Amino acid sequence: MLDAPLLSVRNLTVAFPSLQHVLPAVRNVSFDIGREKVGIIGESGSGKSTTGRAIMRLHPAKTQITADRMEFQGRDLLALSERDMRAIRGHRISMILQDPKYSLNPVMSVGEQVAETAILHEKLSRRDARLRAMEMLEKVHIRDPERVMSLYPHEVSGGMGQRIMISMMLIAKPALIIADEPTSALDVSVRQQVLTILDELVTGNDMGLLFISHDLNLVRSFCDRVLIMYAGRVVEELRASELDQARHPYTQGLLEALPSLTEPKDRLAVLRRDPAWAQG
């Protein structure tokens, strides 16, 4: 018997009201996530981040979020009160954002910020939370964590800042992580270090991961399954290892537009779009 998914979403629609009408940004999106790494890829504006934030219910209050089902470990996320959602955010579901420069509090030390989650959700004392924070910093391969604990965000590099963000999001031992472009602001060598750390923590703690990215090659090598989004819809779903066998013309177009070091092309293919893809 297969394990029940951690997160089950059916026909998720997210719309933003404007002065004249309502603009749907995500339409009828359905997927399940178990204890695995699931990637979402697509162009900017395809609805990837909007989907992740809808799961966390981080959109403005006027945003219209509807779904036939959006259950996390059997709980209906759309039916929960804001107080109940605060107990889930950062505790059972964590979100790693794109750039630590804009996510970390500039007036709090690294140690205070990492320990804060353990104090809030785990009800640990400040002393125990500090010890847990140092342990988490060690797990994300930060040398001399005691020294780093006293630093402020502007005193750490981008790669170290992203590892600090990962430690903050994992200190409460969530069941599901939503990572929104967690490596796009990093150079190639640091990016691989962060991915290796994230893979170790997710696999070692038997978590689920929703990995939002523009990078097809990264998702292909890092994730187990891939959802391809176009104009607010999931147009294709397949195993990451089978991405080259994609059948939807949009996915095929994304792959053909990728440069290659082993098979260089004189001209990259131009991605063509069909209005019918947005209609389903």
Protein backbone atom coordinates (compact mmCIF):
# COMPACT_ATOMS: atom_id res chain seq x y z
CA MET A 1 0.00 0.00 0.00
CA LEU A 2 1.36 3.41 -1.04
CA ASP A 3 1.88 6.07 1.60
CA ALA A 4 -0.60 8.95 1.54
CA PRO A 5 0.91 12.14 0.07
CA LEU A 6 2.04 14.90 2.40
CA LEU A 7 0.30 17.49 0.22
CA SER A 8 -2.60 16.92 -2.14
CA VAL A 9 -3.84 19.74 -4.38
CA ARG A 10 -6.78 19.55 -6.79
CA ASN A 11 -7.90 22.33 -9.12
CA LEU A 12 -6.11 25.14 -7.30
CA THR A 13 -7.01 28.55 -8.72
CA VAL A 14 -5.45 31.84 -7.58
CA ALA A 15 -6.87 35.15 -8.81
CA PHE A 16 -6.00 38.74 -8.02
CA PRO A 17 -8.72 41.42 -8.12
CA SER A 18 -7.95 44.62 -10.03
CA LEU A 19 -9.97 47.82 -10.42
CA GLN A 20 -11.88 46.43 -13.39
CA HIS A 21 -11.87 42.64 -13.14
CA VAL A 22 -10.30 39.58 -11.52
CA LEU A 23 -7.03 38.28 -12.99
CA PRO A 24 -6.41 34.52 -12.66
CA ALA A 25 -2.70 33.81 -12.18
CA VAL A 26 -3.02 30.06 -11.48
CA ARG A 27 -5.80 27.91 -12.92
CA ASN A 28 -6.90 24.37 -12.08
CA VAL A 29 -3.50 23.16 -10.87
CA SER A 30 -3.44 19.64 -9.42
CA PHE A 31 -0.56 17.61 -7.98
CA ASP A 32 0.53 15.46 -5.03
CA ILE A 33 3.82 15.56 -3.11
CA GLY A 34 5.09 12.71 -0.98
CA ARG A 35 8.48 12.30 0.67
CA GLU A 36 10.25 13.19 -2.55
CA LYS A 37 11.70 16.12 -4.49
CA VAL A 38 9.23 17.63 -6.94
CA GLY A 39 10.32 20.44 -9.25
CA ILE A 40 8.15 23.13 -10.82
CA ILE A 41 9.62 24.75 -13.92
CA GLY A 42 8.39 27.36 -16.37
CA GLU A 43 9.03 30.89 -17.51
CA SER A 44 8.67 33.95 -15.28
CA GLY A 45 4.97 34.64 -14.79
CA SER A 46 3.89 31.04 -15.33
CA GLY A 47 2.52 30.77 -11.77
CA LYS A 48 5.27 28.80 -10.00
CA SER A 49 5.85 31.11 -7.04
CA THR A 50 2.16 32.01 -6.88
CA THR A 51 1.39 28.31 -6.39
CA GLY A 52 3.97 27.96 -3.62
CA ARG A 53 2.73 31.03 -1.77
CA ALA A 54 -0.88 29.89 -2.10
CA ILE A 55 0.00 26.66 -0.29
CA MET A 56 1.49 28.74 2.54
CA ARG A 57 -1.42 31.21 2.32
CA LEU A 58 0.98 34.13 2.06
CA HIS A 59 -0.95 36.15 -0.52
CA PRO A 60 -2.77 39.39 0.40
CA ALA A 61 -6.16 38.95 2.06
CA LYS A 62 -8.08 40.01 -1.07
CA THR A 63 -6.52 37.28 -3.18
CA GLN A 64 -9.10 34.70 -4.27
CA ILE A 65 -7.75 31.19 -3.60
CA THR A 66 -10.03 28.25 -4.34
CA ALA A 67 -9.44 24.51 -4.69
CA ASP A 68 -11.45 21.31 -4.68
CA ARG A 69 -8.80 20.05 -2.28
CA MET A 70 -5.65 21.49 -0.73
CA GLU A 71 -4.81 19.10 2.09
CA PHE A 72 -1.57 18.84 4.04
CA GLN A 73 -1.27 15.69 6.14
CA GLY A 74 -5.05 15.36 6.06
CA ARG A 75 -5.78 18.98 7.08
CA ASP A 76 -7.66 21.33 4.77
CA LEU A 77 -5.33 24.34 4.44
CA LEU A 78 -8.04 26.59 3.03
CA ALA A 79 -10.37 25.91 5.97
CA LEU A 80 -7.80 26.64 8.68
CA SER A 81 -7.92 29.89 10.64
CA GLU A 82 -4.98 32.27 10.35
CA ARG A 83 -3.92 31.25 13.87
CA ASP A 84 -3.82 27.58 12.86
CA MET A 85 -1.90 28.47 9.68
CA ARG A 86 0.74 30.29 11.75
CA ALA A 87 1.26 27.04 13.67
CA ILE A 88 1.91 25.25 10.35
CA ARG A 89 4.07 27.88 8.64
CA GLY A 90 7.71 27.42 9.59
CA HIS A 91 6.85 24.37 11.68
CA ARG A 92 5.24 21.74 9.44
CA ILE A 93 5.74 23.58 6.12
CA SER A 94 8.75 25.84 5.59
CA MET A 95 9.60 28.12 2.68
CA ILE A 96 13.12 28.95 1.52
CA LEU A 97 13.11 32.20 -0.44
CA GLN A 98 15.25 33.33 -3.33
CA ASP A 99 17.67 35.86 -1.89
CA PRO A 100 18.76 35.91 1.77
CA LYS A 101 19.59 39.64 1.53
CA TYR A 102 15.87 40.36 1.42
CA SER A 103 14.71 37.51 3.68
CA LEU A 104 16.94 37.86 6.73
CA ASN A 105 16.24 40.57 9.31
CA PRO A 106 19.13 43.09 9.06
CA VAL A 107 18.89 44.17 12.72
CA MET A 108 18.93 40.68 14.28
CA SER A 109 21.99 38.49 14.61
CA VAL A 110 22.16 35.19 12.76
CA GLY A 111 21.87 33.25 16.02
CA GLU A 112 18.77 35.12 17.13
CA GLN A 113 17.03 34.51 13.81
CA VAL A 114 17.81 30.81 13.58
CA ALA A 115 16.88 30.19 17.24
CA GLU A 116 13.65 32.21 16.98
CA THR A 117 11.83 29.44 15.10
CA ALA A 118 12.76 26.84 17.72
CA ILE A 119 11.56 29.14 20.50
CA LEU A 120 8.28 29.90 18.71
CA HIS A 121 7.33 26.44 17.44
CA GLU A 122 9.27 24.02 19.65
CA LYS A 123 8.80 26.06 22.85
CA LEU A 124 12.49 25.64 23.71
CA SER A 125 14.27 27.80 26.23
CA ARG A 126 16.67 30.40 24.84
CA ARG A 127 19.63 28.29 25.92
CA ASP A 128 18.30 25.11 24.28
CA ALA A 129 17.25 27.05 21.17
CA ARG A 130 20.76 28.47 20.87
CA LEU A 131 22.26 24.97 21.10
CA ARG A 132 19.79 23.72 18.46
CA ALA A 133 20.69 26.69 16.22
CA MET A 134 24.40 25.89 16.47
CA GLU A 135 23.66 22.26 15.63
CA MET A 136 21.67 23.31 12.54
CA LEU A 137 24.43 25.65 11.36
CA GLU A 138 26.86 22.73 11.60
CA LYS A 139 24.49 20.58 9.53
CA VAL A 140 24.53 23.14 6.72
CA HIS A 141 28.35 22.98 6.74
CA ILE A 142 29.05 26.37 8.32
CA ARG A 143 32.46 26.45 9.97
CA ASP A 144 32.79 27.92 13.45
CA PRO A 145 29.02 28.26 14.00
CA GLU A 146 29.53 29.95 17.37
CA ARG A 147 31.25 32.86 15.63
CA VAL A 148 28.66 33.01 12.84
CA MET A 149 25.85 33.12 15.42
CA SER A 150 27.01 36.58 16.49
CA LEU A 151 27.20 38.01 12.96
CA TYR A 152 24.56 40.11 11.21
CA PRO A 153 23.22 39.33 7.69
CA HIS A 154 25.34 42.03 6.00
CA GLU A 155 28.46 40.37 7.40
CA VAL A 156 27.97 37.03 5.62
CA SER A 157 28.35 36.06 1.96
CA GLY A 158 25.43 35.16 -0.29
CA GLY A 159 26.19 31.44 -0.10
CA MET A 160 26.48 31.50 3.67
CA GLY A 161 23.30 33.57 3.90
CA GLN A 162 21.41 30.96 1.90
CA ARG A 163 22.71 28.18 4.15
CA ILE A 164 21.59 30.21 7.17
CA MET A 165 18.13 30.49 5.57
CA ILE A 166 18.04 26.71 5.08
CA SER A 167 18.99 26.14 8.72
CA MET A 168 16.21 28.52 9.82
CA MET A 169 13.63 26.70 7.74
CA LEU A 170 14.69 23.21 8.89
CA ILE A 171 15.31 23.82 12.60
CA ALA A 172 11.69 22.95 13.47
CA LYS A 173 11.93 19.71 11.42
CA PRO A 174 9.12 20.39 8.92
CA ALA A 175 7.54 17.65 6.84
CA LEU A 176 7.47 19.76 3.64
CA ILE A 177 9.79 22.44 2.28
CA ILE A 178 8.90 24.86 -0.51
CA ALA A 179 12.13 26.21 -2.04
CA ASP A 180 11.52 29.18 -4.35
CA GLU A 181 14.57 29.67 -6.58
CA PRO A 182 16.91 29.04 -3.62
CA THR A 183 20.10 29.05 -5.70
CA SER A 184 19.45 31.59 -8.47
CA ALA A 185 21.38 34.38 -6.70
CA LEU A 186 24.46 32.18 -6.19
CA ASP A 187 27.45 31.40 -8.41
CA VAL A 188 27.80 27.91 -9.83
CA SER A 189 30.21 26.44 -7.25
CA VAL A 190 28.26 27.75 -4.25
CA ARG A 191 24.99 26.67 -5.89
CA GLN A 192 26.14 23.05 -5.98
CA GLN A 193 27.20 23.19 -2.32
CA VAL A 194 23.76 24.49 -1.31
CA LEU A 195 21.98 21.83 -3.38
CA THR A 196 24.10 19.08 -1.84
CA ILE A 197 23.27 20.33 1.66
CA LEU A 198 19.56 20.60 0.83
CA ASP A 199 19.55 17.08 -0.61
CA GLU A 200 21.30 15.67 2.49
CA LEU A 201 18.82 17.31 4.85
CA VAL A 202 15.68 16.42 2.87
CA THR A 203 16.72 12.81 2.29
CA GLY A 204 18.13 12.33 5.78
CA ASN A 205 15.00 13.66 7.48
CA ASP A 206 12.50 11.96 5.12
CA MET A 207 10.89 15.25 4.05
CA GLY A 208 9.04 16.38 0.95
CA LEU A 209 10.42 19.20 -1.22
CA LEU A 210 8.68 21.44 -3.75
CA PHE A 211 11.54 23.00 -5.73
CA ILE A 212 10.63 26.04 -7.86
CA SER A 213 13.16 26.89 -10.57
CA HIS A 214 13.80 28.22 -14.08
CA ASP A 215 16.75 25.87 -14.55
CA LEU A 216 15.73 22.72 -16.42
CA ASN A 217 19.14 21.07 -16.15
CA LEU A 218 19.26 21.66 -12.40
CA VAL A 219 15.77 20.24 -11.87
CA ARG A 220 16.53 17.27 -14.12
CA SER A 221 19.55 16.27 -12.02
CA PHE A 222 18.19 17.20 -8.59
CA CYS A 223 14.47 16.30 -8.49
CA ASP A 224 12.48 13.08 -8.71
CA ARG A 225 9.47 14.46 -10.60
CA VAL A 226 8.81 17.63 -12.59
CA LEU A 227 5.70 19.76 -13.15
CA ILE A 228 5.87 22.10 -16.15
CA MET A 229 3.76 25.26 -15.86
CA TYR A 230 2.63 27.58 -18.63
CA ALA A 231 0.28 30.56 -18.24
CA GLY A 232 -0.88 29.44 -14.80
CA ARG A 233 -1.52 25.80 -15.73
CA VAL A 234 0.38 22.53 -15.36
CA VAL A 235 0.76 21.38 -18.95
CA GLU A 236 2.86 18.28 -18.28
CA GLU A 237 4.10 16.09 -15.42
CA LEU A 238 6.82 13.46 -15.70
CA ARG A 239 9.81 11.95 -13.94
CA ALA A 240 12.84 14.23 -13.93
CA SER A 241 15.00 11.49 -15.46
CA GLU A 242 12.54 11.32 -18.39
CA LEU A 243 12.49 15.05 -19.12
CA ASP A 244 14.05 14.47 -22.55
CA GLN A 245 11.02 12.33 -23.42
CA ALA A 246 8.56 15.20 -22.82
CA ARG A 247 5.58 15.20 -25.17
CA HIS A 248 4.11 18.65 -24.70
CA PRO A 249 5.41 21.12 -27.32
CA TYR A 250 6.02 23.76 -24.64
CA THR A 251 8.33 21.46 -22.66
CA GLN A 252 10.03 20.40 -25.87
CA GLY A 253 10.54 24.06 -26.76
CA LEU A 254 12.13 24.81 -23.38
CA LEU A 255 14.55 21.91 -23.86
CA GLU A 256 15.45 22.93 -27.42
CA ALA A 257 16.22 26.47 -26.23
CA LEU A 258 18.89 25.22 -23.79
CA PRO A 259 22.54 25.80 -24.74
CA SER A 260 24.83 22.77 -24.56
CA LEU A 261 28.59 22.49 -24.02
CA THR A 262 28.74 18.98 -25.51
CA GLU A 263 26.48 19.66 -28.51
CA PRO A 264 26.87 23.36 -29.39
CA LYS A 265 24.38 24.89 -31.83
CA ASP A 266 24.86 27.80 -34.21
CA ARG A 267 21.49 29.19 -33.18
CA LEU A 268 19.26 28.27 -30.26
CA ALA A 269 15.65 27.47 -31.02
CA VAL A 270 13.12 30.24 -30.41
CA LEU A 271 10.38 29.19 -28.00
CA ARG A 272 7.02 29.26 -29.77
CA ARG A 273 3.74 29.54 -27.91
CA ASP A 274 0.23 28.47 -28.83
CA PRO A 275 -2.71 30.31 -27.19
CA ALA A 276 -4.48 26.96 -26.98
CA TRP A 277 -1.96 25.77 -24.35
CA ALA A 278 -3.33 28.31 -21.90
CA GLN A 279 -6.86 27.04 -22.34
CA GLY A 280 -6.21 23.37 -21.64
